[in-house]
Amino acid sequence: MDKNIMNKTKPFEVISSRFQISKESAKYFLGRVQKSFKTEKPPHQLIIEFMGGQAFESLPKPYEVAKMMNEGGVWAYPLNAEPPEVIDEWDVA
């Protein structure tokens, strides 16, 4: 078997494995990191490489990753406004 094929782990698979979430959730997470930027969206591979150098104990919020990439000069493009906190309706009662 070609070893290049064996090393072709997709970015969402890296997130899925590292944080023990579904592949669908990992794809959604990467998309949300990209959507945190106004115009230029960072490639998934760059997001993975950046996150690999961070000591996240749990999956951070997508906007936090985007903000860290922006402030660190990894992806110095304008950010959208931070999305509002989602409040679980059960917590409101």
PDB file of N, CA and C in Angstrom:
ATOM      1  N   MET A   1       0.835  -1.183   0.000  1.00  0.00           N
ATOM      2  CA  MET A   1       0.000   0.000   0.000  1.00  0.00           C
ATOM      3  C   MET A   1       0.884   1.253   0.000  1.00  0.00           C
ATOM      4  N   ASP A   2       0.462   2.265  -0.707  1.00  0.00           N
ATOM      5  CA  ASP A   2       1.216   3.514  -0.804  1.00  0.00           C
ATOM      6  C   ASP A   2       1.184   4.238   0.543  1.00  0.00           C
ATOM      7  N   LYS A   3       2.365   4.536   1.095  1.00  0.00           N
ATOM      8  CA  LYS A   3       2.387   5.166   2.418  1.00  0.00           C
ATOM      9  C   LYS A   3       1.855   6.593   2.393  1.00  0.00           C
ATOM     10  N   ASN A   4       1.827   7.246   1.225  1.00  0.00           N
ATOM     11  CA  ASN A   4       1.244   8.580   1.140  1.00  0.00           C
ATOM     12  C   ASN A   4      -0.252   8.543   1.434  1.00  0.00           C
ATOM     13  N   ILE A   5      -0.898   7.482   1.018  1.00  0.00           N
ATOM     14  CA  ILE A   5      -2.329   7.335   1.281  1.00  0.00           C
ATOM     15  C   ILE A   5      -2.556   7.149   2.781  1.00  0.00           C
ATOM     16  N   MET A   6      -1.696   6.401   3.424  1.00  0.00           N
ATOM     17  CA  MET A   6      -1.845   6.125   4.852  1.00  0.00           C
ATOM     18  C   MET A   6      -1.658   7.391   5.694  1.00  0.00           C
ATOM     19  N   ASN A   7      -0.876   8.341   5.206  1.00  0.00           N
ATOM     20  CA  ASN A   7      -0.610   9.566   5.960  1.00  0.00           C
ATOM     21  C   ASN A   7      -1.592  10.688   5.635  1.00  0.00           C
ATOM     22  N   LYS A   8      -2.601  10.399   4.854  1.00  0.00           N
ATOM     23  CA  LYS A   8      -3.558  11.422   4.438  1.00  0.00           C
ATOM     24  C   LYS A   8      -4.699  11.546   5.449  1.00  0.00           C
ATOM     25  N   THR A   9      -4.378  11.830   6.687  1.00  0.00           N
ATOM     26  CA  THR A   9      -5.404  12.047   7.697  1.00  0.00           C
ATOM     27  C   THR A   9      -6.022  13.410   7.443  1.00  0.00           C
ATOM     28  N   LYS A  10      -7.326  13.453   7.401  1.00  0.00           N
ATOM     29  CA  LYS A  10      -8.024  14.711   7.141  1.00  0.00           C
ATOM     30  C   LYS A  10      -8.033  15.560   8.418  1.00  0.00           C
ATOM     31  N   PRO A  11      -8.011  16.896   8.257  1.00  0.00           N
ATOM     32  CA  PRO A  11      -7.992  17.776   9.433  1.00  0.00           C
ATOM     33  C   PRO A  11      -9.109  17.486  10.435  1.00  0.00           C
ATOM     34  N   PHE A  12     -10.323  17.237   9.942  1.00  0.00           N
ATOM     35  CA  PHE A  12     -11.417  16.979  10.879  1.00  0.00           C
ATOM     36  C   PHE A  12     -11.196  15.680  11.650  1.00  0.00           C
ATOM     37  N   GLU A  13     -10.474  14.730  11.048  1.00  0.00           N
ATOM     38  CA  GLU A  13     -10.169  13.480  11.748  1.00  0.00           C
ATOM     39  C   GLU A  13      -9.189  13.724  12.901  1.00  0.00           C
ATOM     40  N   VAL A  14      -8.278  14.668  12.703  1.00  0.00           N
ATOM     41  CA  VAL A  14      -7.325  15.025  13.761  1.00  0.00           C
ATOM     42  C   VAL A  14      -8.085  15.614  14.954  1.00  0.00           C
ATOM     43  N   ILE A  15      -8.996  16.543  14.682  1.00  0.00           N
ATOM     44  CA  ILE A  15      -9.801  17.171  15.740  1.00  0.00           C
ATOM     45  C   ILE A  15     -10.685  16.124  16.417  1.00  0.00           C
ATOM     46  N   SER A  16     -11.317  15.288  15.613  1.00  0.00           N
ATOM     47  CA  SER A  16     -12.202  14.242  16.139  1.00  0.00           C
ATOM     48  C   SER A  16     -11.460  13.331  17.104  1.00  0.00           C
ATOM     49  N   SER A  17     -10.274  12.912  16.715  1.00  0.00           N
ATOM     50  CA  SER A  17      -9.480  12.004  17.536  1.00  0.00           C
ATOM     51  C   SER A  17      -8.945  12.696  18.790  1.00  0.00           C
ATOM     52  N   ARG A  18      -8.405  13.898  18.625  1.00  0.00           N
ATOM     53  CA  ARG A  18      -7.781  14.600  19.756  1.00  0.00           C
ATOM     54  C   ARG A  18      -8.783  14.945  20.854  1.00  0.00           C
ATOM     55  N   PHE A  19      -9.977  15.376  20.447  1.00  0.00           N
ATOM     56  CA  PHE A  19     -10.952  15.851  21.431  1.00  0.00           C
ATOM     57  C   PHE A  19     -12.116  14.883  21.647  1.00  0.00           C
ATOM     58  N   GLN A  20     -12.020  13.701  21.048  1.00  0.00           N
ATOM     59  CA  GLN A  20     -13.036  12.661  21.230  1.00  0.00           C
ATOM     60  C   GLN A  20     -14.445  13.164  20.908  1.00  0.00           C
ATOM     61  N   ILE A  21     -14.574  13.782  19.716  1.00  0.00           N
ATOM     62  CA  ILE A  21     -15.885  14.223  19.243  1.00  0.00           C
ATOM     63  C   ILE A  21     -16.146  13.548  17.905  1.00  0.00           C
ATOM     64  N   SER A  22     -17.380  13.623  17.433  1.00  0.00           N
ATOM     65  CA  SER A  22     -17.718  12.985  16.160  1.00  0.00           C
ATOM     66  C   SER A  22     -17.036  13.724  15.006  1.00  0.00           C
ATOM     67  N   LYS A  23     -16.893  13.039  13.894  1.00  0.00           N
ATOM     68  CA  LYS A  23     -16.291  13.663  12.709  1.00  0.00           C
ATOM     69  C   LYS A  23     -17.153  14.825  12.229  1.00  0.00           C
ATOM     70  N   GLU A  24     -18.476  14.664  12.343  1.00  0.00           N
ATOM     71  CA  GLU A  24     -19.385  15.738  11.926  1.00  0.00           C
ATOM     72  C   GLU A  24     -19.179  16.980  12.798  1.00  0.00           C
ATOM     73  N   SER A  25     -19.036  16.764  14.103  1.00  0.00           N
ATOM     74  CA  SER A  25     -18.793  17.892  15.015  1.00  0.00           C
ATOM     75  C   SER A  25     -17.451  18.549  14.722  1.00  0.00           C
ATOM     76  N   ALA A  26     -16.463  17.745  14.378  1.00  0.00           N
ATOM     77  CA  ALA A  26     -15.140  18.278  14.057  1.00  0.00           C
ATOM     78  C   ALA A  26     -15.189  19.119  12.781  1.00  0.00           C
ATOM     79  N   LYS A  27     -15.935  18.655  11.777  1.00  0.00           N
ATOM     80  CA  LYS A  27     -16.094  19.432  10.536  1.00  0.00           C
ATOM     81  C   LYS A  27     -16.779  20.764  10.843  1.00  0.00           C
ATOM     82  N   TYR A  28     -17.826  20.704  11.659  1.00  0.00           N
ATOM     83  CA  TYR A  28     -18.558  21.912  12.039  1.00  0.00           C
ATOM     84  C   TYR A  28     -17.629  22.883  12.773  1.00  0.00           C
ATOM     85  N   PHE A  29     -16.828  22.366  13.700  1.00  0.00           N
ATOM     86  CA  PHE A  29     -15.888  23.186  14.461  1.00  0.00           C
ATOM     87  C   PHE A  29     -14.927  23.924  13.520  1.00  0.00           C
ATOM     88  N   LEU A  30     -14.318  23.197  12.581  1.00  0.00           N
ATOM     89  CA  LEU A  30     -13.369  23.821  11.650  1.00  0.00           C
ATOM     90  C   LEU A  30     -14.060  24.892  10.808  1.00  0.00           C
ATOM     91  N   GLY A  31     -15.281  24.610  10.381  1.00  0.00           N
ATOM     92  CA  GLY A  31     -16.048  25.594   9.610  1.00  0.00           C
ATOM     93  C   GLY A  31     -16.335  26.846  10.423  1.00  0.00           C
ATOM     94  N   ARG A  32     -16.637  26.668  11.718  1.00  0.00           N
ATOM     95  CA  ARG A  32     -16.917  27.818  12.586  1.00  0.00           C
ATOM     96  C   ARG A  32     -15.654  28.648  12.821  1.00  0.00           C
ATOM     97  N   VAL A  33     -14.504  28.000  12.911  1.00  0.00           N
ATOM     98  CA  VAL A  33     -13.247  28.760  13.040  1.00  0.00           C
ATOM     99  C   VAL A  33     -13.076  29.616  11.785  1.00  0.00           C
ATOM    100  N   GLN A  34     -13.282  29.014  10.617  1.00  0.00           N
ATOM    101  CA  GLN A  34     -13.142  29.761   9.368  1.00  0.00           C
ATOM    102  C   GLN A  34     -14.127  30.925   9.300  1.00  0.00           C
ATOM    103  N   LYS A  35     -15.362  30.693   9.718  1.00  0.00           N
ATOM    104  CA  LYS A  35     -16.397  31.731   9.633  1.00  0.00           C
ATOM    105  C   LYS A  35     -16.184  32.851  10.642  1.00  0.00           C
ATOM    106  N   SER A  36     -15.255  32.674  11.563  1.00  0.00           N
ATOM    107  CA  SER A  36     -14.932  33.734  12.517  1.00  0.00           C
ATOM    108  C   SER A  36     -14.197  34.880  11.831  1.00  0.00           C
ATOM    109  N   PHE A  37     -13.641  34.607  10.655  1.00  0.00           N
ATOM    110  CA  PHE A  37     -12.930  35.630   9.891  1.00  0.00           C
ATOM    111  C   PHE A  37     -13.867  36.239   8.860  1.00  0.00           C
ATOM    112  N   LYS A  38     -13.727  37.555   8.634  1.00  0.00           N
ATOM    113  CA  LYS A  38     -14.633  38.268   7.736  1.00  0.00           C
ATOM    114  C   LYS A  38     -14.508  37.836   6.281  1.00  0.00           C
ATOM    115  N   THR A  39     -13.302  37.849   5.758  1.00  0.00           N
ATOM    116  CA  THR A  39     -13.156  37.603   4.322  1.00  0.00           C
ATOM    117  C   THR A  39     -12.289  36.396   4.020  1.00  0.00           C
ATOM    118  N   GLU A  40     -11.033  36.476   4.379  1.00  0.00           N
ATOM    119  CA  GLU A  40     -10.102  35.386   4.082  1.00  0.00           C
ATOM    120  C   GLU A  40     -10.219  34.290   5.129  1.00  0.00           C
ATOM    121  N   LYS A  41     -10.535  33.093   4.684  1.00  0.00           N
ATOM    122  CA  LYS A  41     -10.716  31.956   5.595  1.00  0.00           C
ATOM    123  C   LYS A  41      -9.436  31.122   5.640  1.00  0.00           C
ATOM    124  N   PRO A  42      -8.930  30.816   6.842  1.00  0.00           N
ATOM    125  CA  PRO A  42      -7.713  29.993   6.924  1.00  0.00           C
ATOM    126  C   PRO A  42      -8.000  28.553   6.504  1.00  0.00           C
ATOM    127  N   PRO A  43      -7.058  27.907   5.833  1.00  0.00           N
ATOM    128  CA  PRO A  43      -7.265  26.501   5.467  1.00  0.00           C
ATOM    129  C   PRO A  43      -7.319  25.618   6.713  1.00  0.00           C
ATOM    130  N   HIS A  44      -8.079  24.539   6.614  1.00  0.00           N
ATOM    131  CA  HIS A  44      -8.210  23.605   7.743  1.00  0.00           C
ATOM    132  C   HIS A  44      -6.844  23.138   8.239  1.00  0.00           C
ATOM    133  N   GLN A  45      -5.920  22.869   7.314  1.00  0.00           N
ATOM    134  CA  GLN A  45      -4.604  22.358   7.705  1.00  0.00           C
ATOM    135  C   GLN A  45      -3.866  23.364   8.592  1.00  0.00           C
ATOM    136  N   LEU A  46      -3.991  24.641   8.282  1.00  0.00           N
ATOM    137  CA  LEU A  46      -3.344  25.677   9.095  1.00  0.00           C
ATOM    138  C   LEU A  46      -3.960  25.724  10.497  1.00  0.00           C
ATOM    139  N   ILE A  47      -5.271  25.575  10.578  1.00  0.00           N
ATOM    140  CA  ILE A  47      -5.948  25.554  11.884  1.00  0.00           C
ATOM    141  C   ILE A  47      -5.417  24.390  12.716  1.00  0.00           C
ATOM    142  N   ILE A  48      -5.292  23.221  12.079  1.00  0.00           N
ATOM    143  CA  ILE A  48      -4.803  22.019  12.770  1.00  0.00           C
ATOM    144  C   ILE A  48      -3.367  22.225  13.253  1.00  0.00           C
ATOM    145  N   GLU A  49      -2.518  22.768  12.385  1.00  0.00           N
ATOM    146  CA  GLU A  49      -1.121  23.000  12.756  1.00  0.00           C
ATOM    147  C   GLU A  49      -1.034  23.976  13.929  1.00  0.00           C
ATOM    148  N   PHE A  50      -1.847  25.027  13.884  1.00  0.00           N
ATOM    149  CA  PHE A  50      -1.851  25.999  14.976  1.00  0.00           C
ATOM    150  C   PHE A  50      -2.308  25.344  16.277  1.00  0.00           C
ATOM    151  N   MET A  51      -3.396  24.606  16.216  1.00  0.00           N
ATOM    152  CA  MET A  51      -3.933  23.966  17.421  1.00  0.00           C
ATOM    153  C   MET A  51      -2.978  22.911  17.970  1.00  0.00           C
ATOM    154  N   GLY A  52      -2.200  22.289  17.087  1.00  0.00           N
ATOM    155  CA  GLY A  52      -1.237  21.287  17.522  1.00  0.00           C
ATOM    156  C   GLY A  52      -0.165  21.871  18.422  1.00  0.00           C
ATOM    157  N   GLY A  53       0.099  23.157  18.264  1.00  0.00           N
ATOM    158  CA  GLY A  53       1.106  23.821  19.082  1.00  0.00           C
ATOM    159  C   GLY A  53       0.546  24.410  20.369  1.00  0.00           C
ATOM    160  N   GLN A  54      -0.738  24.212  20.608  1.00  0.00           N
ATOM    161  CA  GLN A  54      -1.392  24.747  21.805  1.00  0.00           C
ATOM    162  C   GLN A  54      -1.710  23.607  22.769  1.00  0.00           C
ATOM    163  N   ALA A  55      -1.780  23.922  24.029  1.00  0.00           N
ATOM    164  CA  ALA A  55      -2.057  22.898  25.052  1.00  0.00           C
ATOM    165  C   ALA A  55      -3.523  22.925  25.472  1.00  0.00           C
ATOM    166  N   PHE A  56      -4.415  22.752  24.513  1.00  0.00           N
ATOM    167  CA  PHE A  56      -5.842  22.713  24.836  1.00  0.00           C
ATOM    168  C   PHE A  56      -6.164  21.401  25.538  1.00  0.00           C
ATOM    169  N   GLU A  57      -6.787  21.494  26.708  1.00  0.00           N
ATOM    170  CA  GLU A  57      -7.191  20.287  27.424  1.00  0.00           C
ATOM    171  C   GLU A  57      -8.555  19.806  26.952  1.00  0.00           C
ATOM    172  N   SER A  58      -9.359  20.740  26.463  1.00  0.00           N
ATOM    173  CA  SER A  58     -10.657  20.387  25.898  1.00  0.00           C
ATOM    174  C   SER A  58     -10.849  21.244  24.652  1.00  0.00           C
ATOM    175  N   LEU A  59     -11.858  20.914  23.888  1.00  0.00           N
ATOM    176  CA  LEU A  59     -12.103  21.637  22.645  1.00  0.00           C
ATOM    177  C   LEU A  59     -12.485  23.083  22.960  1.00  0.00           C
ATOM    178  N   PRO A  60     -11.705  24.047  22.481  1.00  0.00           N
ATOM    179  CA  PRO A  60     -12.035  25.451  22.737  1.00  0.00           C
ATOM    180  C   PRO A  60     -13.175  25.900  21.831  1.00  0.00           C
ATOM    181  N   LYS A  61     -13.683  27.083  22.097  1.00  0.00           N
ATOM    182  CA  LYS A  61     -14.702  27.651  21.215  1.00  0.00           C
ATOM    183  C   LYS A  61     -14.007  28.040  19.913  1.00  0.00           C
ATOM    184  N   PRO A  62     -14.698  27.865  18.784  1.00  0.00           N
ATOM    185  CA  PRO A  62     -14.081  28.203  17.495  1.00  0.00           C
ATOM    186  C   PRO A  62     -13.564  29.636  17.437  1.00  0.00           C
ATOM    187  N   TYR A  63     -14.336  30.576  17.996  1.00  0.00           N
ATOM    188  CA  TYR A  63     -13.908  31.970  17.948  1.00  0.00           C
ATOM    189  C   TYR A  63     -12.618  32.188  18.731  1.00  0.00           C
ATOM    190  N   GLU A  64     -12.442  31.460  19.841  1.00  0.00           N
ATOM    191  CA  GLU A  64     -11.212  31.586  20.636  1.00  0.00           C
ATOM    192  C   GLU A  64      -9.997  31.196  19.800  1.00  0.00           C
ATOM    193  N   VAL A  65     -10.129  30.116  19.032  1.00  0.00           N
ATOM    194  CA  VAL A  65      -9.026  29.665  18.176  1.00  0.00           C
ATOM    195  C   VAL A  65      -8.736  30.724  17.119  1.00  0.00           C
ATOM    196  N   ALA A  66      -9.795  31.242  16.487  1.00  0.00           N
ATOM    197  CA  ALA A  66      -9.620  32.266  15.458  1.00  0.00           C
ATOM    198  C   ALA A  66      -8.942  33.509  16.040  1.00  0.00           C
ATOM    199  N   LYS A  67      -9.378  33.915  17.224  1.00  0.00           N
ATOM    200  CA  LYS A  67      -8.801  35.104  17.864  1.00  0.00           C
ATOM    201  C   LYS A  67      -7.325  34.884  18.184  1.00  0.00           C
ATOM    202  N   MET A  68      -6.991  33.700  18.687  1.00  0.00           N
ATOM    203  CA  MET A  68      -5.591  33.386  18.999  1.00  0.00           C
ATOM    204  C   MET A  68      -4.741  33.371  17.725  1.00  0.00           C
ATOM    205  N   MET A  69      -5.292  32.825  16.649  1.00  0.00           N
ATOM    206  CA  MET A  69      -4.564  32.805  15.374  1.00  0.00           C
ATOM    207  C   MET A  69      -4.335  34.228  14.883  1.00  0.00           C
ATOM    208  N   ASN A  70      -5.365  35.062  15.020  1.00  0.00           N
ATOM    209  CA  ASN A  70      -5.289  36.444  14.577  1.00  0.00           C
ATOM    210  C   ASN A  70      -4.276  37.226  15.404  1.00  0.00           C
ATOM    211  N   GLU A  71      -4.380  37.132  16.724  1.00  0.00           N
ATOM    212  CA  GLU A  71      -3.485  37.889  17.609  1.00  0.00           C
ATOM    213  C   GLU A  71      -2.046  37.402  17.526  1.00  0.00           C
ATOM    214  N   GLY A  72      -1.860  36.122  17.208  1.00  0.00           N
ATOM    215  CA  GLY A  72      -0.517  35.568  17.100  1.00  0.00           C
ATOM    216  C   GLY A  72       0.122  35.797  15.741  1.00  0.00           C
ATOM    217  N   GLY A  73      -0.632  36.429  14.831  1.00  0.00           N
ATOM    218  CA  GLY A  73      -0.103  36.700  13.503  1.00  0.00           C
ATOM    219  C   GLY A  73      -0.088  35.490  12.586  1.00  0.00           C
ATOM    220  N   VAL A  74      -0.736  34.402  13.003  1.00  0.00           N
ATOM    221  CA  VAL A  74      -0.786  33.196  12.174  1.00  0.00           C
ATOM    222  C   VAL A  74      -1.718  33.422  10.990  1.00  0.00           C
ATOM    223  N   TRP A  75      -2.829  34.110  11.240  1.00  0.00           N
ATOM    224  CA  TRP A  75      -3.796  34.439  10.187  1.00  0.00           C
ATOM    225  C   TRP A  75      -4.297  35.846  10.496  1.00  0.00           C
ATOM    226  N   ALA A  76      -3.563  36.837   9.987  1.00  0.00           N
ATOM    227  CA  ALA A  76      -3.798  38.233  10.357  1.00  0.00           C
ATOM    228  C   ALA A  76      -4.820  38.909   9.451  1.00  0.00           C
ATOM    229  N   TYR A  77      -6.013  38.351   9.414  1.00  0.00           N
ATOM    230  CA  TYR A  77      -7.114  38.932   8.652  1.00  0.00           C
ATOM    231  C   TYR A  77      -8.200  39.343   9.638  1.00  0.00           C
ATOM    232  N   PRO A  78      -9.054  40.312   9.245  1.00  0.00           N
ATOM    233  CA  PRO A  78     -10.079  40.803  10.178  1.00  0.00           C
ATOM    234  C   PRO A  78     -11.038  39.702  10.641  1.00  0.00           C
ATOM    235  N   LEU A  79     -11.409  39.807  11.907  1.00  0.00           N
ATOM    236  CA  LEU A  79     -12.367  38.869  12.502  1.00  0.00           C
ATOM    237  C   LEU A  79     -13.775  39.451  12.451  1.00  0.00           C
ATOM    238  N   ASN A  80     -14.766  38.584  12.389  1.00  0.00           N
ATOM    239  CA  ASN A  80     -16.149  38.989  12.594  1.00  0.00           C
ATOM    240  C   ASN A  80     -16.334  39.246  14.084  1.00  0.00           C
ATOM    241  N   ALA A  81     -17.470  39.815  14.447  1.00  0.00           N
ATOM    242  CA  ALA A  81     -17.775  40.008  15.868  1.00  0.00           C
ATOM    243  C   ALA A  81     -17.943  38.641  16.527  1.00  0.00           C
ATOM    244  N   GLU A  82     -17.577  38.569  17.793  1.00  0.00           N
ATOM    245  CA  GLU A  82     -17.723  37.311  18.523  1.00  0.00           C
ATOM    246  C   GLU A  82     -19.206  36.959  18.621  1.00  0.00           C
ATOM    247  N   PRO A  83     -19.553  35.704  18.325  1.00  0.00           N
ATOM    248  CA  PRO A  83     -20.965  35.322  18.411  1.00  0.00           C
ATOM    249  C   PRO A  83     -21.447  35.378  19.859  1.00  0.00           C
ATOM    250  N   PRO A  84     -22.741  35.661  20.054  1.00  0.00           N
ATOM    251  CA  PRO A  84     -23.264  35.723  21.425  1.00  0.00           C
ATOM    252  C   PRO A  84     -23.232  34.353  22.092  1.00  0.00           C
ATOM    253  N   GLU A  85     -23.156  34.352  23.416  1.00  0.00           N
ATOM    254  CA  GLU A  85     -23.205  33.098  24.182  1.00  0.00           C
ATOM    255  C   GLU A  85     -24.568  32.465  23.970  1.00  0.00           C
ATOM    256  N   VAL A  86     -24.580  31.184  23.728  1.00  0.00           N
ATOM    257  CA  VAL A  86     -25.837  30.459  23.629  1.00  0.00           C
ATOM    258  C   VAL A  86     -26.192  30.003  25.039  1.00  0.00           C
ATOM    259  N   ILE A  87     -27.385  30.362  25.455  1.00  0.00           N
ATOM    260  CA  ILE A  87     -27.833  29.985  26.798  1.00  0.00           C
ATOM    261  C   ILE A  87     -28.799  28.821  26.667  1.00  0.00           C
ATOM    262  N   ASP A  88     -28.520  27.779  27.369  1.00  0.00           N
ATOM    263  CA  ASP A  88     -29.389  26.609  27.363  1.00  0.00           C
ATOM    264  C   ASP A  88     -30.695  26.984  28.054  1.00  0.00           C
ATOM    265  N   GLU A  89     -31.813  26.687  27.406  1.00  0.00           N
ATOM    266  CA  GLU A  89     -33.103  27.078  27.976  1.00  0.00           C
ATOM    267  C   GLU A  89     -33.338  26.461  29.353  1.00  0.00           C
ATOM    268  N   TRP A  90     -32.704  25.339  29.647  1.00  0.00           N
ATOM    269  CA  TRP A  90     -32.870  24.703  30.954  1.00  0.00           C
ATOM    270  C   TRP A  90     -32.164  25.507  32.044  1.00  0.00           C
ATOM    271  N   ASP A  91     -31.139  26.258  31.669  1.00  0.00           N
ATOM    272  CA  ASP A  91     -30.402  27.052  32.649  1.00  0.00           C
ATOM    273  C   ASP A  91     -31.150  28.325  33.044  1.00  0.00           C
ATOM    274  N   VAL A  92     -32.101  28.735  32.211  1.00  0.00           N
ATOM    275  CA  VAL A  92     -32.805  29.994  32.423  1.00  0.00           C
ATOM    276  C   VAL A  92     -33.867  29.862  33.512  1.00  0.00           C
ATOM    277  N   ALA A  93     -34.502  28.708  33.606  1.00  0.00           N
ATOM    278  CA  ALA A  93     -35.636  28.504  34.532  1.00  0.00           C
ATOM    279  C   ALA A  93     -35.265  28.694  35.980  1.00  0.00           C
TER     280      ALA A  93
END
